[in-house]
Amino acid sequence: MNNIDLDIVPETTIIDILEKFPNVESKLIELVPAFITLKNPGLRNTIAKVTTLKQGASIGQIPLGELVNSLRREAN
């Protein structure tokens, strides 16, 4: 795929992003501190599989566009 930005959209699950772009984990935790739980393998396998970026933005009280765009920049 030429443009990896297309994979990071509001409906993308956290686990999909972390598997494809492992380098964005620290940025994700920085933007949504509640995602520090992703460091725990058990919680990562449950929470990250069902949580989308849209839900994460709500949890972190961060604008969805800011979250998506920040992760896209970090992935590139």
PDB file of N, CA and C in Angstrom:
ATOM      1  N   MET A   1       0.844  -1.175   0.000  1.00  0.00           N
ATOM      2  CA  MET A   1       0.000   0.000   0.000  1.00  0.00           C
ATOM      3  C   MET A   1       0.888   1.236   0.000  1.00  0.00           C
ATOM      4  N   ASN A   2       0.606   2.168  -0.862  1.00  0.00           N
ATOM      5  CA  ASN A   2       1.428   3.357  -0.989  1.00  0.00           C
ATOM      6  C   ASN A   2       1.195   4.380   0.102  1.00  0.00           C
ATOM      7  N   ASN A   3      -0.032   4.509   0.565  1.00  0.00           N
ATOM      8  CA  ASN A   3      -0.351   5.551   1.524  1.00  0.00           C
ATOM      9  C   ASN A   3      -0.883   4.929   2.803  1.00  0.00           C
ATOM     10  N   ILE A   4      -0.022   4.809   3.809  1.00  0.00           N
ATOM     11  CA  ILE A   4      -0.429   4.159   5.043  1.00  0.00           C
ATOM     12  C   ILE A   4      -1.422   5.000   5.831  1.00  0.00           C
ATOM     13  N   ASP A   5      -1.559   6.281   5.507  1.00  0.00           N
ATOM     14  CA  ASP A   5      -2.520   7.137   6.199  1.00  0.00           C
ATOM     15  C   ASP A   5      -3.933   6.588   6.096  1.00  0.00           C
ATOM     16  N   LEU A   6      -4.244   5.912   5.018  1.00  0.00           N
ATOM     17  CA  LEU A   6      -5.594   5.404   4.813  1.00  0.00           C
ATOM     18  C   LEU A   6      -5.968   4.355   5.849  1.00  0.00           C
ATOM     19  N   ASP A   7      -5.016   3.717   6.473  1.00  0.00           N
ATOM     20  CA  ASP A   7      -5.300   2.689   7.465  1.00  0.00           C
ATOM     21  C   ASP A   7      -5.629   3.277   8.838  1.00  0.00           C
ATOM     22  N   ILE A   8      -5.302   4.514   9.060  1.00  0.00           N
ATOM     23  CA  ILE A   8      -5.557   5.132  10.358  1.00  0.00           C
ATOM     24  C   ILE A   8      -6.758   6.059  10.197  1.00  0.00           C
ATOM     25  N   VAL A   9      -7.912   5.499  10.497  1.00  0.00           N
ATOM     26  CA  VAL A   9      -9.185   6.213  10.391  1.00  0.00           C
ATOM     27  C   VAL A   9      -9.955   6.021  11.697  1.00  0.00           C
ATOM     28  N   PRO A  10     -10.979   6.815  11.945  1.00  0.00           N
ATOM     29  CA  PRO A  10     -11.708   6.720  13.211  1.00  0.00           C
ATOM     30  C   PRO A  10     -12.214   5.317  13.567  1.00  0.00           C
ATOM     31  N   GLU A  11     -12.526   4.515  12.582  1.00  0.00           N
ATOM     32  CA  GLU A  11     -13.069   3.184  12.829  1.00  0.00           C
ATOM     33  C   GLU A  11     -11.996   2.113  13.058  1.00  0.00           C
ATOM     34  N   THR A  12     -10.737   2.473  12.894  1.00  0.00           N
ATOM     35  CA  THR A  12      -9.646   1.519  13.074  1.00  0.00           C
ATOM     36  C   THR A  12      -9.518   1.157  14.547  1.00  0.00           C
ATOM     37  N   THR A  13      -9.351  -0.129  14.832  1.00  0.00           N
ATOM     38  CA  THR A  13      -9.173  -0.530  16.226  1.00  0.00           C
ATOM     39  C   THR A  13      -7.734  -0.266  16.660  1.00  0.00           C
ATOM     40  N   ILE A  14      -7.585  -0.106  17.949  1.00  0.00           N
ATOM     41  CA  ILE A  14      -6.268   0.171  18.520  1.00  0.00           C
ATOM     42  C   ILE A  14      -5.304  -0.977  18.218  1.00  0.00           C
ATOM     43  N   ILE A  15      -5.772  -2.211  18.346  1.00  0.00           N
ATOM     44  CA  ILE A  15      -4.886  -3.362  18.108  1.00  0.00           C
ATOM     45  C   ILE A  15      -4.387  -3.375  16.664  1.00  0.00           C
ATOM     46  N   ASP A  16      -5.258  -3.033  15.711  1.00  0.00           N
ATOM     47  CA  ASP A  16      -4.829  -3.011  14.305  1.00  0.00           C
ATOM     48  C   ASP A  16      -3.725  -1.980  14.090  1.00  0.00           C
ATOM     49  N   ILE A  17      -3.867  -0.825  14.709  1.00  0.00           N
ATOM     50  CA  ILE A  17      -2.850   0.218  14.578  1.00  0.00           C
ATOM     51  C   ILE A  17      -1.541  -0.234  15.213  1.00  0.00           C
ATOM     52  N   LEU A  18      -1.630  -0.786  16.418  1.00  0.00           N
ATOM     53  CA  LEU A  18      -0.413  -1.192  17.122  1.00  0.00           C
ATOM     54  C   LEU A  18       0.299  -2.350  16.438  1.00  0.00           C
ATOM     55  N   GLU A  19      -0.453  -3.228  15.799  1.00  0.00           N
ATOM     56  CA  GLU A  19       0.184  -4.339  15.085  1.00  0.00           C
ATOM     57  C   GLU A  19       0.854  -3.866  13.805  1.00  0.00           C
ATOM     58  N   LYS A  20       0.224  -2.926  13.118  1.00  0.00           N
ATOM     59  CA  LYS A  20       0.782  -2.458  11.848  1.00  0.00           C
ATOM     60  C   LYS A  20       1.845  -1.369  12.054  1.00  0.00           C
ATOM     61  N   PHE A  21       1.643  -0.550  13.073  1.00  0.00           N
ATOM     62  CA  PHE A  21       2.554   0.569  13.342  1.00  0.00           C
ATOM     63  C   PHE A  21       2.966   0.553  14.822  1.00  0.00           C
ATOM     64  N   PRO A  22       3.780  -0.386  15.251  1.00  0.00           N
ATOM     65  CA  PRO A  22       4.137  -0.481  16.674  1.00  0.00           C
ATOM     66  C   PRO A  22       4.815   0.777  17.216  1.00  0.00           C
ATOM     67  N   ASN A  23       5.406   1.561  16.345  1.00  0.00           N
ATOM     68  CA  ASN A  23       6.096   2.771  16.779  1.00  0.00           C
ATOM     69  C   ASN A  23       5.148   3.860  17.271  1.00  0.00           C
ATOM     70  N   VAL A  24       3.842   3.724  17.086  1.00  0.00           N
ATOM     71  CA  VAL A  24       2.912   4.773  17.515  1.00  0.00           C
ATOM     72  C   VAL A  24       2.411   4.572  18.944  1.00  0.00           C
ATOM     73  N   GLU A  25       2.790   3.467  19.578  1.00  0.00           N
ATOM     74  CA  GLU A  25       2.265   3.177  20.917  1.00  0.00           C
ATOM     75  C   GLU A  25       2.541   4.306  21.911  1.00  0.00           C
ATOM     76  N   SER A  26       3.749   4.797  21.962  1.00  0.00           N
ATOM     77  CA  SER A  26       4.069   5.847  22.935  1.00  0.00           C
ATOM     78  C   SER A  26       3.292   7.129  22.635  1.00  0.00           C
ATOM     79  N   LYS A  27       3.096   7.446  21.362  1.00  0.00           N
ATOM     80  CA  LYS A  27       2.323   8.634  20.987  1.00  0.00           C
ATOM     81  C   LYS A  27       0.866   8.459  21.394  1.00  0.00           C
ATOM     82  N   LEU A  28       0.330   7.276  21.206  1.00  0.00           N
ATOM     83  CA  LEU A  28      -1.049   6.988  21.586  1.00  0.00           C
ATOM     84  C   LEU A  28      -1.243   7.164  23.088  1.00  0.00           C
ATOM     85  N   ILE A  29      -0.302   6.662  23.863  1.00  0.00           N
ATOM     86  CA  ILE A  29      -0.378   6.790  25.324  1.00  0.00           C
ATOM     87  C   ILE A  29      -0.193   8.249  25.737  1.00  0.00           C
ATOM     88  N   GLU A  30       0.654   8.969  25.038  1.00  0.00           N
ATOM     89  CA  GLU A  30       0.848  10.391  25.333  1.00  0.00           C
ATOM     90  C   GLU A  30      -0.457  11.169  25.111  1.00  0.00           C
ATOM     91  N   LEU A  31      -1.144  10.855  24.018  1.00  0.00           N
ATOM     92  CA  LEU A  31      -2.374  11.563  23.680  1.00  0.00           C
ATOM     93  C   LEU A  31      -3.564  11.132  24.529  1.00  0.00           C
ATOM     94  N   VAL A  32      -3.608   9.835  24.870  1.00  0.00           N
ATOM     95  CA  VAL A  32      -4.695   9.279  25.679  1.00  0.00           C
ATOM     96  C   VAL A  32      -4.050   8.521  26.843  1.00  0.00           C
ATOM     97  N   PRO A  33      -3.731   9.225  27.923  1.00  0.00           N
ATOM     98  CA  PRO A  33      -3.021   8.598  29.039  1.00  0.00           C
ATOM     99  C   PRO A  33      -3.699   7.344  29.594  1.00  0.00           C
ATOM    100  N   ALA A  34      -4.997   7.229  29.456  1.00  0.00           N
ATOM    101  CA  ALA A  34      -5.703   6.036  29.932  1.00  0.00           C
ATOM    102  C   ALA A  34      -5.212   4.782  29.216  1.00  0.00           C
ATOM    103  N   PHE A  35      -4.617   4.934  28.058  1.00  0.00           N
ATOM    104  CA  PHE A  35      -4.120   3.779  27.301  1.00  0.00           C
ATOM    105  C   PHE A  35      -2.800   3.243  27.835  1.00  0.00           C
ATOM    106  N   ILE A  36      -2.337   3.734  28.974  1.00  0.00           N
ATOM    107  CA  ILE A  36      -1.160   3.146  29.620  1.00  0.00           C
ATOM    108  C   ILE A  36      -1.452   1.673  29.910  1.00  0.00           C
ATOM    109  N   THR A  37      -2.727   1.329  30.027  1.00  0.00           N
ATOM    110  CA  THR A  37      -3.121  -0.063  30.269  1.00  0.00           C
ATOM    111  C   THR A  37      -2.709  -0.976  29.120  1.00  0.00           C
ATOM    112  N   LEU A  38      -2.389  -0.406  27.970  1.00  0.00           N
ATOM    113  CA  LEU A  38      -1.957  -1.222  26.825  1.00  0.00           C
ATOM    114  C   LEU A  38      -0.613  -1.894  27.095  1.00  0.00           C
ATOM    115  N   LYS A  39       0.108  -1.424  28.090  1.00  0.00           N
ATOM    116  CA  LYS A  39       1.382  -2.045  28.459  1.00  0.00           C
ATOM    117  C   LYS A  39       1.161  -3.416  29.103  1.00  0.00           C
ATOM    118  N   ASN A  40      -0.035  -3.635  29.659  1.00  0.00           N
ATOM    119  CA  ASN A  40      -0.389  -4.912  30.266  1.00  0.00           C
ATOM    120  C   ASN A  40      -0.895  -5.842  29.163  1.00  0.00           C
ATOM    121  N   PRO A  41      -0.200  -6.958  28.890  1.00  0.00           N
ATOM    122  CA  PRO A  41      -0.577  -7.840  27.778  1.00  0.00           C
ATOM    123  C   PRO A  41      -2.022  -8.341  27.849  1.00  0.00           C
ATOM    124  N   GLY A  42      -2.503  -8.647  29.033  1.00  0.00           N
ATOM    125  CA  GLY A  42      -3.876  -9.132  29.168  1.00  0.00           C
ATOM    126  C   GLY A  42      -4.893  -8.078  28.781  1.00  0.00           C
ATOM    127  N   LEU A  43      -4.684  -6.876  29.281  1.00  0.00           N
ATOM    128  CA  LEU A  43      -5.600  -5.785  28.946  1.00  0.00           C
ATOM    129  C   LEU A  43      -5.461  -5.379  27.485  1.00  0.00           C
ATOM    130  N   ARG A  44      -4.247  -5.428  26.999  1.00  0.00           N
ATOM    131  CA  ARG A  44      -4.018  -5.083  25.589  1.00  0.00           C
ATOM    132  C   ARG A  44      -4.826  -6.001  24.670  1.00  0.00           C
ATOM    133  N   ASN A  45      -4.846  -7.288  25.005  1.00  0.00           N
ATOM    134  CA  ASN A  45      -5.555  -8.254  24.171  1.00  0.00           C
ATOM    135  C   ASN A  45      -7.067  -8.119  24.249  1.00  0.00           C
ATOM    136  N   THR A  46      -7.570  -7.466  25.270  1.00  0.00           N
ATOM    137  CA  THR A  46      -9.022  -7.291  25.354  1.00  0.00           C
ATOM    138  C   THR A  46      -9.442  -5.886  24.934  1.00  0.00           C
ATOM    139  N   ILE A  47      -8.907  -4.889  25.604  1.00  0.00           N
ATOM    140  CA  ILE A  47      -9.304  -3.507  25.348  1.00  0.00           C
ATOM    141  C   ILE A  47      -8.967  -3.070  23.925  1.00  0.00           C
ATOM    142  N   ALA A  48      -7.766  -3.339  23.491  1.00  0.00           N
ATOM    143  CA  ALA A  48      -7.314  -2.855  22.182  1.00  0.00           C
ATOM    144  C   ALA A  48      -8.049  -3.510  21.017  1.00  0.00           C
ATOM    145  N   LYS A  49      -8.575  -4.700  21.238  1.00  0.00           N
ATOM    146  CA  LYS A  49      -9.286  -5.389  20.150  1.00  0.00           C
ATOM    147  C   LYS A  49     -10.659  -4.799  19.871  1.00  0.00           C
ATOM    148  N   VAL A  50     -11.253  -4.171  20.860  1.00  0.00           N
ATOM    149  CA  VAL A  50     -12.616  -3.663  20.684  1.00  0.00           C
ATOM    150  C   VAL A  50     -12.711  -2.143  20.660  1.00  0.00           C
ATOM    151  N   THR A  51     -11.630  -1.464  20.993  1.00  0.00           N
ATOM    152  CA  THR A  51     -11.659  -0.001  21.069  1.00  0.00           C
ATOM    153  C   THR A  51     -11.174   0.610  19.761  1.00  0.00           C
ATOM    154  N   THR A  52     -11.982   1.500  19.217  1.00  0.00           N
ATOM    155  CA  THR A  52     -11.608   2.211  17.993  1.00  0.00           C
ATOM    156  C   THR A  52     -10.965   3.546  18.353  1.00  0.00           C
ATOM    157  N   LEU A  53     -10.371   4.184  17.370  1.00  0.00           N
ATOM    158  CA  LEU A  53      -9.803   5.510  17.603  1.00  0.00           C
ATOM    159  C   LEU A  53     -10.891   6.501  18.007  1.00  0.00           C
ATOM    160  N   LYS A  54     -12.060   6.358  17.435  1.00  0.00           N
ATOM    161  CA  LYS A  54     -13.166   7.246  17.788  1.00  0.00           C
ATOM    162  C   LYS A  54     -13.488   7.114  19.274  1.00  0.00           C
ATOM    163  N   GLN A  55     -13.549   5.895  19.761  1.00  0.00           N
ATOM    164  CA  GLN A  55     -13.809   5.672  21.180  1.00  0.00           C
ATOM    165  C   GLN A  55     -12.646   6.171  22.032  1.00  0.00           C
ATOM    166  N   GLY A  56     -11.424   5.949  21.555  1.00  0.00           N
ATOM    167  CA  GLY A  56     -10.239   6.402  22.271  1.00  0.00           C
ATOM    168  C   GLY A  56     -10.208   7.916  22.419  1.00  0.00           C
ATOM    169  N   ALA A  57     -10.610   8.624  21.378  1.00  0.00           N
ATOM    170  CA  ALA A  57     -10.656  10.085  21.438  1.00  0.00           C
ATOM    171  C   ALA A  57     -11.650  10.534  22.503  1.00  0.00           C
ATOM    172  N   SER A  58     -12.755   9.839  22.579  1.00  0.00           N
ATOM    173  CA  SER A  58     -13.757  10.159  23.591  1.00  0.00           C
ATOM    174  C   SER A  58     -13.221   9.891  24.994  1.00  0.00           C
ATOM    175  N   ILE A  59     -12.566   8.761  25.163  1.00  0.00           N
ATOM    176  CA  ILE A  59     -11.978   8.401  26.456  1.00  0.00           C
ATOM    177  C   ILE A  59     -10.948   9.449  26.883  1.00  0.00           C
ATOM    178  N   GLY A  60     -10.113   9.850  25.955  1.00  0.00           N
ATOM    179  CA  GLY A  60      -9.046  10.796  26.254  1.00  0.00           C
ATOM    180  C   GLY A  60      -9.463  12.253  26.197  1.00  0.00           C
ATOM    181  N   GLN A  61     -10.736  12.486  25.839  1.00  0.00           N
ATOM    182  CA  GLN A  61     -11.254  13.842  25.698  1.00  0.00           C
ATOM    183  C   GLN A  61     -10.350  14.700  24.815  1.00  0.00           C
ATOM    184  N   ILE A  62     -10.016  14.114  23.673  1.00  0.00           N
ATOM    185  CA  ILE A  62      -9.172  14.776  22.679  1.00  0.00           C
ATOM    186  C   ILE A  62      -9.968  14.819  21.375  1.00  0.00           C
ATOM    187  N   PRO A  63      -9.868  15.884  20.609  1.00  0.00           N
ATOM    188  CA  PRO A  63     -10.568  15.917  19.326  1.00  0.00           C
ATOM    189  C   PRO A  63     -10.145  14.733  18.443  1.00  0.00           C
ATOM    190  N   LEU A  64     -11.116  14.086  17.847  1.00  0.00           N
ATOM    191  CA  LEU A  64     -10.851  12.909  17.017  1.00  0.00           C
ATOM    192  C   LEU A  64      -9.844  13.211  15.912  1.00  0.00           C
ATOM    193  N   GLY A  65     -10.003  14.323  15.242  1.00  0.00           N
ATOM    194  CA  GLY A  65      -9.081  14.689  14.162  1.00  0.00           C
ATOM    195  C   GLY A  65      -7.655  14.842  14.648  1.00  0.00           C
ATOM    196  N   GLU A  66      -7.495  15.411  15.832  1.00  0.00           N
ATOM    197  CA  GLU A  66      -6.152  15.579  16.394  1.00  0.00           C
ATOM    198  C   GLU A  66      -5.513  14.223  16.675  1.00  0.00           C
ATOM    199  N   LEU A  67      -6.292  13.290  17.231  1.00  0.00           N
ATOM    200  CA  LEU A  67      -5.776  11.950  17.520  1.00  0.00           C
ATOM    201  C   LEU A  67      -5.384  11.237  16.236  1.00  0.00           C
ATOM    202  N   VAL A  68      -6.271  11.214  15.276  1.00  0.00           N
ATOM    203  CA  VAL A  68      -6.013  10.524  14.001  1.00  0.00           C
ATOM    204  C   VAL A  68      -4.809  11.128  13.292  1.00  0.00           C
ATOM    205  N   ASN A  69      -4.781  12.435  13.180  1.00  0.00           N
ATOM    206  CA  ASN A  69      -3.677  13.090  12.457  1.00  0.00           C
ATOM    207  C   ASN A  69      -2.338  12.920  13.168  1.00  0.00           C
ATOM    208  N   SER A  70      -2.342  12.959  14.496  1.00  0.00           N
ATOM    209  CA  SER A  70      -1.095  12.762  15.241  1.00  0.00           C
ATOM    210  C   SER A  70      -0.556  11.358  15.027  1.00  0.00           C
ATOM    211  N   LEU A  71      -1.430  10.371  15.027  1.00  0.00           N
ATOM    212  CA  LEU A  71      -0.985   8.996  14.819  1.00  0.00           C
ATOM    213  C   LEU A  71      -0.521   8.781  13.373  1.00  0.00           C
ATOM    214  N   ARG A  72      -1.186   9.425  12.436  1.00  0.00           N
ATOM    215  CA  ARG A  72      -0.727   9.329  11.047  1.00  0.00           C
ATOM    216  C   ARG A  72       0.674   9.894  10.887  1.00  0.00           C
ATOM    217  N   ARG A  73       0.906  11.053  11.493  1.00  0.00           N
ATOM    218  CA  ARG A  73       2.256  11.644  11.416  1.00  0.00           C
ATOM    219  C   ARG A  73       3.286  10.730  12.055  1.00  0.00           C
ATOM    220  N   GLU A  74       2.949  10.160  13.195  1.00  0.00           N
ATOM    221  CA  GLU A  74       3.883   9.285  13.898  1.00  0.00           C
ATOM    222  C   GLU A  74       4.150   8.014  13.093  1.00  0.00           C
ATOM    223  N   ALA A  75       3.149   7.502  12.396  1.00  0.00           N
ATOM    224  CA  ALA A  75       3.300   6.277  11.606  1.00  0.00           C
ATOM    225  C   ALA A  75       4.207   6.501  10.401  1.00  0.00           C
ATOM    226  N   ASN A  76       4.163   7.700   9.868  1.00  0.00           N
ATOM    227  CA  ASN A  76       4.999   8.004   8.704  1.00  0.00           C
ATOM    228  C   ASN A  76       6.372   8.285   9.186  1.00  0.00           C
TER     229      ASN A  76
END
